[in-house]
C-alpha atoms as a PDB file:
ATOM      1  CA  MET A   1     -42.650-201.169  18.971  1.00  0.00           C
ATOM      2  CA  HIS A   2     -39.924-203.149  20.092  1.00  0.00           C
ATOM      3  CA  GLY A   3     -37.628-202.234  22.654  1.00  0.00           C
ATOM      4  CA  HIS A   4     -40.067-200.189  24.164  1.00  0.00           C
ATOM      5  CA  VAL A   5     -41.108-200.103  27.956  1.00  0.00           C
ATOM      6  CA  GLY A   6     -44.909-198.624  28.990  1.00  0.00           C
ATOM      7  CA  GLU A   7     -45.425-194.508  29.600  1.00  0.00           C
ATOM      8  CA  HIS A   8     -47.802-193.897  32.457  1.00  0.00           C
ATOM      9  CA  TRP A   9     -48.885-189.886  31.089  1.00  0.00           C
ATOM     10  CA  GLU A  10     -52.215-188.754  30.338  1.00  0.00           C
ATOM     11  CA  TRP A  11     -54.013-185.595  29.592  1.00  0.00           C
ATOM     12  CA  ASP A  12     -53.186-182.360  31.056  1.00  0.00           C
ATOM     13  CA  MET A  13     -56.005-181.043  33.398  1.00  0.00           C
ATOM     14  CA  ASP A  14     -54.594-177.530  33.309  1.00  0.00           C
ATOM     15  CA  ALA A  15     -53.840-177.011  29.751  1.00  0.00           C
ATOM     16  CA  LYS A  16     -57.053-177.300  28.131  1.00  0.00           C
ATOM     17  CA  SER A  17     -59.129-175.624  26.284  1.00  0.00           C
ATOM     18  CA  PRO A  18     -62.615-174.756  27.985  1.00  0.00           C
ATOM     19  CA  ALA A  19     -64.447-176.711  25.087  1.00  0.00           C
ATOM     20  CA  ALA A  20     -62.818-179.859  26.362  1.00  0.00           C
ATOM     21  CA  ARG A  21     -63.796-181.984  29.384  1.00  0.00           C
ATOM     22  CA  LEU A  22     -61.716-185.025  30.330  1.00  0.00           C
ATOM     23  CA  SER A  23     -62.425-188.382  31.521  1.00  0.00           C
ATOM     24  CA  PRO A  24     -61.828-188.860  35.817  1.00  0.00           C
ATOM     25  CA  CYS A  25     -59.049-191.108  34.144  1.00  0.00           C
ATOM     26  CA  ARG A  26     -57.858-187.879  31.620  1.00  0.00           C
ATOM     27  CA  ARG A  27     -57.195-190.328  29.028  1.00  0.00           C
ATOM     28  CA  ALA A  28     -60.528-189.886  27.188  1.00  0.00           C
ATOM     29  CA  VAL A  29     -61.101-186.058  26.304  1.00  0.00           C
ATOM     30  CA  TYR A  30     -65.124-185.170  24.621  1.00  0.00           C
ATOM     31  CA  PHE A  31     -64.788-181.710  22.482  1.00  0.00           C
ATOM     32  CA  HIS A  32     -67.700-179.368  22.735  1.00  0.00           C
ATOM     33  CA  THR A  33     -69.881-181.354  24.494  1.00  0.00           C
ATOM     34  CA  ASP A  34     -71.980-178.420  26.053  1.00  0.00           C
ATOM     35  CA  PRO A  35     -76.177-179.418  25.517  1.00  0.00           C
ATOM     36  CA  VAL A  36     -77.192-175.634  25.101  1.00  0.00           C
ATOM     37  CA  LEU A  37     -74.423-173.884  22.742  1.00  0.00           C
ATOM     38  CA  GLU A  38     -72.404-175.477  19.695  1.00  0.00           C
ATOM     39  CA  SER A  39     -69.177-175.404  18.424  1.00  0.00           C
ATOM     40  CA  GLU A  40     -67.548-171.708  18.554  1.00  0.00           C
ATOM     41  CA  GLY A  41     -64.520-172.391  17.825  1.00  0.00           C
ATOM     42  CA  THR A  42     -61.216-174.735  17.689  1.00  0.00           C
ATOM     43  CA  ALA A  43     -60.325-177.055  21.148  1.00  0.00           C
ATOM     44  CA  GLY A  44     -57.251-178.995  21.863  1.00  0.00           C
ATOM     45  CA  VAL A  45     -55.457-180.721  24.825  1.00  0.00           C
ATOM     46  CA  ARG A  46     -52.185-181.299  25.192  1.00  0.00           C
ATOM     47  CA  GLY A  47     -50.466-183.977  27.196  1.00  0.00           C
ATOM     48  CA  THR A  48     -48.760-183.824  30.484  1.00  0.00           C
ATOM     49  CA  LYS A  49     -45.244-184.899  29.286  1.00  0.00           C
ATOM     50  CA  GLY A  50     -42.851-183.812  27.742  1.00  0.00           C
ATOM     51  CA  PHE A  51     -40.458-184.849  25.417  1.00  0.00           C
ATOM     52  CA  SER A  52     -36.710-183.649  24.602  1.00  0.00           C
ATOM     53  CA  HIS A  53     -34.986-187.159  23.970  1.00  0.00           C
ATOM     54  CA  GLY A  54     -35.254-190.474  23.558  1.00  0.00           C
ATOM     55  CA  GLU A  55     -38.072-192.622  20.948  1.00  0.00           C
ATOM     56  CA  HIS A  56     -41.633-192.358  22.213  1.00  0.00           C
ATOM     57  CA  TYR A  57     -45.324-194.158  20.626  1.00  0.00           C
ATOM     58  CA  TRP A  58     -47.966-193.284  21.538  1.00  0.00           C
ATOM     59  CA  GLU A  59     -52.490-194.297  20.323  1.00  0.00           C
ATOM     60  CA  ILE A  60     -55.059-191.646  20.223  1.00  0.00           C
ATOM     61  CA  GLU A  61     -58.740-193.672  19.103  1.00  0.00           C
ATOM     62  CA  PHE A  62     -61.029-192.247  17.585  1.00  0.00           C
ATOM     63  CA  LEU A  63     -64.544-193.337  19.548  1.00  0.00           C
ATOM     64  CA  GLU A  64     -66.825-191.626  16.866  1.00  0.00           C
ATOM     65  CA  PRO A  65     -66.357-191.413  13.250  1.00  0.00           C
ATOM     66  CA  PRO A  66     -64.202-188.151  12.864  1.00  0.00           C
ATOM     67  CA  CYS A  67     -66.266-184.793  10.844  1.00  0.00           C
ATOM     68  CA  GLY A  68     -66.385-180.977  11.152  1.00  0.00           C
ATOM     69  CA  SER A  69     -64.175-179.229   9.831  1.00  0.00           C
ATOM     70  CA  SER A  70     -60.816-180.469  11.773  1.00  0.00           C
ATOM     71  CA  VAL A  71     -59.982-183.205  13.737  1.00  0.00           C
ATOM     72  CA  MET A  72     -56.104-183.406  14.399  1.00  0.00           C
ATOM     73  CA  VAL A  73     -53.540-185.696  16.515  1.00  0.00           C
ATOM     74  CA  GLY A  74     -50.036-184.573  16.540  1.00  0.00           C
ATOM     75  CA  LEU A  75     -47.569-182.601  18.769  1.00  0.00           C
ATOM     76  CA  GLY A  76     -46.066-178.986  20.018  1.00  0.00           C
ATOM     77  CA  THR A  77     -44.294-177.094  22.551  1.00  0.00           C
ATOM     78  CA  LYS A  78     -45.744-175.513  25.104  1.00  0.00           C
ATOM     79  CA  LYS A  79     -46.490-172.405  23.363  1.00  0.00           C
ATOM     80  CA  ALA A  80     -48.821-174.198  20.766  1.00  0.00           C
ATOM     81  CA  LEU A  81     -52.323-172.570  20.795  1.00  0.00           C
ATOM     82  CA  LEU A  82     -55.365-175.046  22.551  1.00  0.00           C
ATOM     83  CA  HIS A  83     -58.083-172.482  22.049  1.00  0.00           C
ATOM     84  CA  THR A  84     -59.884-170.811  19.074  1.00  0.00           C
ATOM     85  CA  GLY A  85     -63.201-168.841  19.847  1.00  0.00           C
ATOM     86  CA  ASN A  86     -65.206-166.684  17.285  1.00  0.00           C
ATOM     87  CA  TYR A  87     -66.551-169.072  15.125  1.00  0.00           C
ATOM     88  CA  GLN A  88     -62.694-169.608  13.702  1.00  0.00           C
ATOM     89  CA  PHE A  89     -62.803-173.876  12.460  1.00  0.00           C
ATOM     90  CA  ILE A  90     -59.451-174.201  11.830  1.00  0.00           C
ATOM     91  CA  ASP A  91     -56.697-176.761  11.883  1.00  0.00           C
ATOM     92  CA  LEU A  92     -55.038-175.880  14.754  1.00  0.00           C
ATOM     93  CA  LEU A  93     -52.228-178.098  14.726  1.00  0.00           C
ATOM     94  CA  GLY A  94     -49.775-176.658  12.566  1.00  0.00           C
ATOM     95  CA  MET A  95     -51.141-173.324  12.402  1.00  0.00           C
ATOM     96  CA  ASP A  96     -48.112-172.294  13.144  1.00  0.00           C
ATOM     97  CA  CYS A  97     -44.377-173.241  14.179  1.00  0.00           C
ATOM     98  CA  GLU A  98     -45.220-174.359  17.365  1.00  0.00           C
ATOM     99  CA  SER A  99     -47.126-177.694  16.622  1.00  0.00           C
ATOM    100  CA  TRP A 100     -47.532-180.091  13.789  1.00  0.00           C
ATOM    101  CA  GLY A 101     -50.757-182.281  13.107  1.00  0.00           C
ATOM    102  CA  LEU A 102     -52.188-184.397  11.021  1.00  0.00           C
ATOM    103  CA  SER A 103     -55.581-183.730   9.896  1.00  0.00           C
ATOM    104  CA  TYR A 104     -58.410-186.535  10.043  1.00  0.00           C
ATOM    105  CA  LYS A 105     -58.818-185.125   5.622  1.00  0.00           C
ATOM    106  CA  GLY A 106     -55.325-187.375   5.150  1.00  0.00           C
ATOM    107  CA  SER A 107     -53.121-183.591   5.354  1.00  0.00           C
ATOM    108  CA  VAL A 108     -50.408-182.650   7.421  1.00  0.00           C
ATOM    109  CA  TRP A 109     -49.991-179.167   8.751  1.00  0.00           C
ATOM    110  CA  HIS A 110     -46.756-177.601  10.501  1.00  0.00           C
ATOM    111  CA  GLY A 111     -45.925-173.497  10.220  1.00  0.00           C
ATOM    112  CA  GLY A 112     -49.620-172.678   8.374  1.00  0.00           C
ATOM    113  CA  GLU A 113     -48.413-174.813   5.479  1.00  0.00           C
ATOM    114  CA  SER A 114     -50.319-178.203   4.561  1.00  0.00           C
ATOM    115  CA  ARG A 115     -49.417-180.941   2.651  1.00  0.00           C
ATOM    116  CA  THR A 116     -51.406-184.133   1.343  1.00  0.00           C
ATOM    117  CA  TYR A 117     -50.400-187.245   3.015  1.00  0.00           C
ATOM    118  CA  THR A 118     -52.327-190.492   3.469  1.00  0.00           C
ATOM    119  CA  GLN A 119     -56.111-191.095   2.470  1.00  0.00           C
ATOM    120  CA  PRO A 120     -58.985-189.623   4.892  1.00  0.00           C
ATOM    121  CA  PHE A 121     -59.618-191.388   7.751  1.00  0.00           C
ATOM    122  CA  TYR A 122     -63.777-191.641   8.689  1.00  0.00           C
ATOM    123  CA  ASP A 123     -64.745-194.947  10.458  1.00  0.00           C
ATOM    124  CA  LYS A 124     -65.124-195.120  14.558  1.00  0.00           C
ATOM    125  CA  SER A 125     -62.471-196.984  16.103  1.00  0.00           C
ATOM    126  CA  THR A 126     -59.744-195.974  13.789  1.00  0.00           C
ATOM    127  CA  VAL A 127     -56.343-195.716  15.605  1.00  0.00           C
ATOM    128  CA  ILE A 128     -53.866-193.634  15.181  1.00  0.00           C
ATOM    129  CA  GLY A 129     -50.404-193.488  16.254  1.00  0.00           C
ATOM    130  CA  VAL A 130     -47.647-191.292  16.920  1.00  0.00           C
ATOM    131  CA  LEU A 131     -44.070-192.330  16.988  1.00  0.00           C
ATOM    132  CA  LEU A 132     -41.462-189.506  17.665  1.00  0.00           C
ATOM    133  CA  ASN A 133     -38.153-190.218  17.548  1.00  0.00           C
ATOM    134  CA  LEU A 134     -35.840-187.486  19.131  1.00  0.00           C
ATOM    135  CA  HIS A 135     -32.692-189.164  18.005  1.00  0.00           C
ATOM    136  CA  THR A 136     -33.221-188.897  14.242  1.00  0.00           C
ATOM    137  CA  GLY A 137     -35.657-185.592  14.410  1.00  0.00           C
ATOM    138  CA  THR A 138     -38.843-187.135  13.098  1.00  0.00           C
ATOM    139  CA  LEU A 139     -42.320-187.786  13.457  1.00  0.00           C
ATOM    140  CA  VAL A 140     -43.938-190.587  12.265  1.00  0.00           C
ATOM    141  CA  PHE A 141     -47.694-191.484  11.793  1.00  0.00           C
ATOM    142  CA  TYR A 142     -49.580-194.867  11.676  1.00  0.00           C
ATOM    143  CA  ARG A 143     -52.841-195.808  11.116  1.00  0.00           C
ATOM    144  CA  ASN A 144     -54.152-199.185  12.748  1.00  0.00           C
ATOM    145  CA  GLY A 145     -51.107-199.785  13.493  1.00  0.00           C
ATOM    146  CA  SER A 146     -50.066-199.799   9.798  1.00  0.00           C
ATOM    147  CA  SER A 147     -46.946-196.852   8.938  1.00  0.00           C
ATOM    148  CA  LEU A 148     -47.922-193.996   6.823  1.00  0.00           C
ATOM    149  CA  GLY A 149     -44.090-192.798   6.307  1.00  0.00           C
ATOM    150  CA  LEU A 150     -41.738-189.889   7.417  1.00  0.00           C
ATOM    151  CA  ALA A 151     -44.521-186.799   8.066  1.00  0.00           C
ATOM    152  CA  PHE A 152     -41.660-184.561   9.329  1.00  0.00           C
ATOM    153  CA  SER A 153     -38.255-184.625   9.981  1.00  0.00           C
ATOM    154  CA  GLY A 154     -35.753-181.810  12.208  1.00  0.00           C
ATOM    155  CA  LEU A 155     -37.852-182.109  14.823  1.00  0.00           C
ATOM    156  CA  ASP A 156     -34.430-182.599  16.535  1.00  0.00           C
ATOM    157  CA  GLN A 157     -33.948-179.389  16.234  1.00  0.00           C
ATOM    158  CA  VAL A 158     -36.872-177.374  17.992  1.00  0.00           C
ATOM    159  CA  GLY A 159     -35.383-177.000  21.275  1.00  0.00           C
ATOM    160  CA  ALA A 160     -38.223-177.241  23.566  1.00  0.00           C
ATOM    161  CA  PRO A 161     -40.346-180.453  24.879  1.00  0.00           C
ATOM    162  CA  LEU A 162     -42.905-181.625  22.228  1.00  0.00           C
ATOM    163  CA  TYR A 163     -45.859-182.223  23.876  1.00  0.00           C
ATOM    164  CA  PRO A 164     -48.501-184.731  22.680  1.00  0.00           C
ATOM    165  CA  LEU A 165     -51.495-182.662  21.382  1.00  0.00           C
ATOM    166  CA  VAL A 166     -54.914-183.247  20.045  1.00  0.00           C
ATOM    167  CA  SER A 167     -57.667-180.444  18.453  1.00  0.00           C
ATOM    168  CA  SER A 168     -61.554-180.424  17.797  1.00  0.00           C
ATOM    169  CA  THR A 169     -63.828-178.261  15.951  1.00  0.00           C
ATOM    170  CA  ALA A 170     -66.265-180.541  15.454  1.00  0.00           C
ATOM    171  CA  PRO A 171     -69.503-181.312  18.414  1.00  0.00           C
ATOM    172  CA  GLU A 172     -69.124-184.446  20.669  1.00  0.00           C
ATOM    173  CA  THR A 173     -65.432-185.861  19.445  1.00  0.00           C
ATOM    174  CA  GLU A 174     -64.449-188.411  21.206  1.00  0.00           C
ATOM    175  CA  LEU A 175     -60.794-189.366  21.648  1.00  0.00           C
ATOM    176  CA  PHE A 176     -59.138-192.236  23.881  1.00  0.00           C
ATOM    177  CA  LEU A 177     -55.606-191.906  24.668  1.00  0.00           C
ATOM    178  CA  GLY A 178     -54.431-195.665  23.983  1.00  0.00           C
ATOM    179  CA  LEU A 179     -50.918-197.396  24.557  1.00  0.00           C
ATOM    180  CA  ARG A 180     -48.354-195.261  25.504  1.00  0.00           C
ATOM    181  CA  THR A 181     -43.974-196.343  24.873  1.00  0.00           C
ATOM    182  CA  CYS A 182     -40.920-194.893  25.029  1.00  0.00           C
ATOM    183  CA  GLN A 183     -37.441-196.226  24.338  1.00  0.00           C
ATOM    184  CA  PHE A 184     -34.093-195.038  25.365  1.00  0.00           C
ATOM    185  CA  THR A 185     -30.948-196.146  24.122  1.00  0.00           C
ATOM    186  CA  SER A 186     -27.831-194.365  26.710  1.00  0.00           C
ATOM    187  CA  LEU A 187     -27.186-196.237  30.035  1.00  0.00           C
ATOM    188  CA  GLN A 188     -27.865-193.306  31.429  1.00  0.00           C
ATOM    189  CA  GLU A 189     -31.705-192.677  29.807  1.00  0.00           C
ATOM    190  CA  ARG A 190     -32.219-196.077  31.285  1.00  0.00           C
ATOM    191  CA  CYS A 191     -31.188-195.556  34.845  1.00  0.00           C
ATOM    192  CA  LEU A 192     -33.626-192.710  34.727  1.00  0.00           C
ATOM    193  CA  GLN A 193     -36.671-194.084  33.289  1.00  0.00           C
ATOM    194  CA  ALA A 194     -36.028-197.509  36.294  1.00  0.00           C
ATOM    195  CA  ILE A 195     -36.154-194.701  38.849  1.00  0.00           C
ATOM    196  CA  ALA A 196     -39.027-192.789  37.718  1.00  0.00           C
ATOM    197  CA  GLN A 197     -40.904-195.719  36.960  1.00  0.00           C
ATOM    198  CA  THR A 198     -40.162-197.046  41.116  1.00  0.00           C
ATOM    199  CA  LEU A 199     -40.575-193.487  42.211  1.00  0.00           C
ATOM    200  CA  GLY A 200     -43.945-194.002  40.318  1.00  0.00           C
ATOM    201  CA  GLN A 201     -44.403-189.839  41.930  1.00  0.00           C
ATOM    202  CA  ARG A 202     -42.492-186.588  41.572  1.00  0.00           C
ATOM    203  CA  ALA A 203     -43.538-185.978  45.205  1.00  0.00           C
ATOM    204  CA  ALA A 204     -41.392-189.397  45.803  1.00  0.00           C
ATOM    205  CA  ALA A 205     -38.206-187.630  44.502  1.00  0.00           C
ATOM    206  CA  ASP A 206     -38.885-184.334  46.303  1.00  0.00           C
ATOM    207  CA  SER A 207     -38.923-186.637  49.249  1.00  0.00           C
ATOM    208  CA  LEU A 208     -35.024-188.053  48.693  1.00  0.00           C
ATOM    209  CA  PRO A 209     -32.191-185.979  48.891  1.00  0.00           C
ATOM    210  CA  LEU A 210     -31.340-186.980  45.080  1.00  0.00           C
ATOM    211  CA  PRO A 211     -29.097-184.114  43.564  1.00  0.00           C
ATOM    212  CA  ALA A 212     -30.663-181.039  41.872  1.00  0.00           C
ATOM    213  CA  ALA A 213     -29.581-182.182  38.456  1.00  0.00           C
ATOM    214  CA  LEU A 214     -31.584-185.554  39.028  1.00  0.00           C
ATOM    215  CA  GLN A 215     -34.162-183.907  40.651  1.00  0.00           C
ATOM    216  CA  GLU A 216     -34.415-181.420  37.353  1.00  0.00           C
ATOM    217  CA  GLN A 217     -34.822-184.603  34.442  1.00  0.00           C
ATOM    218  CA  LEU A 218     -36.974-187.023  36.424  1.00  0.00           C
ATOM    219  CA  GLY A 219     -38.977-183.353  36.513  1.00  0.00           C
ATOM    220  CA  VAL A 220     -39.053-182.968  32.923  1.00  0.00           C
ATOM    221  CA  ARG A 221     -39.722-186.963  32.735  1.00  0.00           C
ATOM    222  CA  TRP A 222     -43.538-186.130  34.457  1.00  0.00           C
ATOM    223  CA  GLY A 223     -43.589-183.493  33.183  1.00  0.00           C
ATOM    224  CA  HIS A 224     -43.362-180.854  35.742  1.00  0.00           C
ATOM    225  CA  PRO A 225     -40.578-179.060  37.727  1.00  0.00           C
ATOM    226  CA  SER A 226     -38.843-180.300  40.540  1.00  0.00           C
ATOM    227  CA  ARG A 227     -39.965-178.619  43.388  1.00  0.00           C
ATOM    228  CA  THR A 228     -36.590-178.349  44.503  1.00  0.00           C
ATOM    229  CA  LEU A 229     -35.174-176.657  41.267  1.00  0.00           C
ATOM    230  CA  LEU A 230     -38.176-173.899  42.386  1.00  0.00           C
ATOM    231  CA  GLY A 231     -36.740-173.128  45.850  1.00  0.00           C
ATOM    232  CA  VAL A 232     -38.791-175.890  47.713  1.00  0.00           C
ATOM    233  CA  ARG A 233     -37.461-178.149  49.827  1.00  0.00           C
ATOM    234  CA  THR A 234     -39.169-181.266  51.745  1.00  0.00           C
END
């Protein structure tokens, strides 16, 4: 993406279905891998970083051909459901108003409603890109580098950070988190991004005498609240 810089988030070990397993680098997610139990529902996982402003792009590679009732790529708030049991094989992302999702069968979902968006994709190594623009409030998906057009609008009115999500009902689904980039338009946003990349991690910011407001905004970029805001000072 023109004018974008790299981001460094991964899948959240503490925000996933028990039927989802992460690789050591937390960029690959494997669904329903139990050798004894077959899939008993729908499993999801959330990214570590939520977005409340700027433009963000990330890519999900299908390491195996998608199959089964549902495999989805999308985003949602922290309230978005990440697991269903009792043999509920559903399109998890977009089942309610907390998430937005694209199914490999070509439909997009939000608020429990779906519509046809693109042709289904069944191939191994398919790469789905997600472009979230919180200046315009739009969400666009890409397939193997080509835009599929506008999927959703109005996301700038959500009022809560939006997190990357993936989900699957199918055993041994393997998805890999690839390119992650962002673009900020204001000088303040660019400065915050530069500080976040220089410090590298939240602990470095917590050890510095930074203003509480700056600690808060840095915490949002790392997907964690600042320790100062939690009442902990080093």
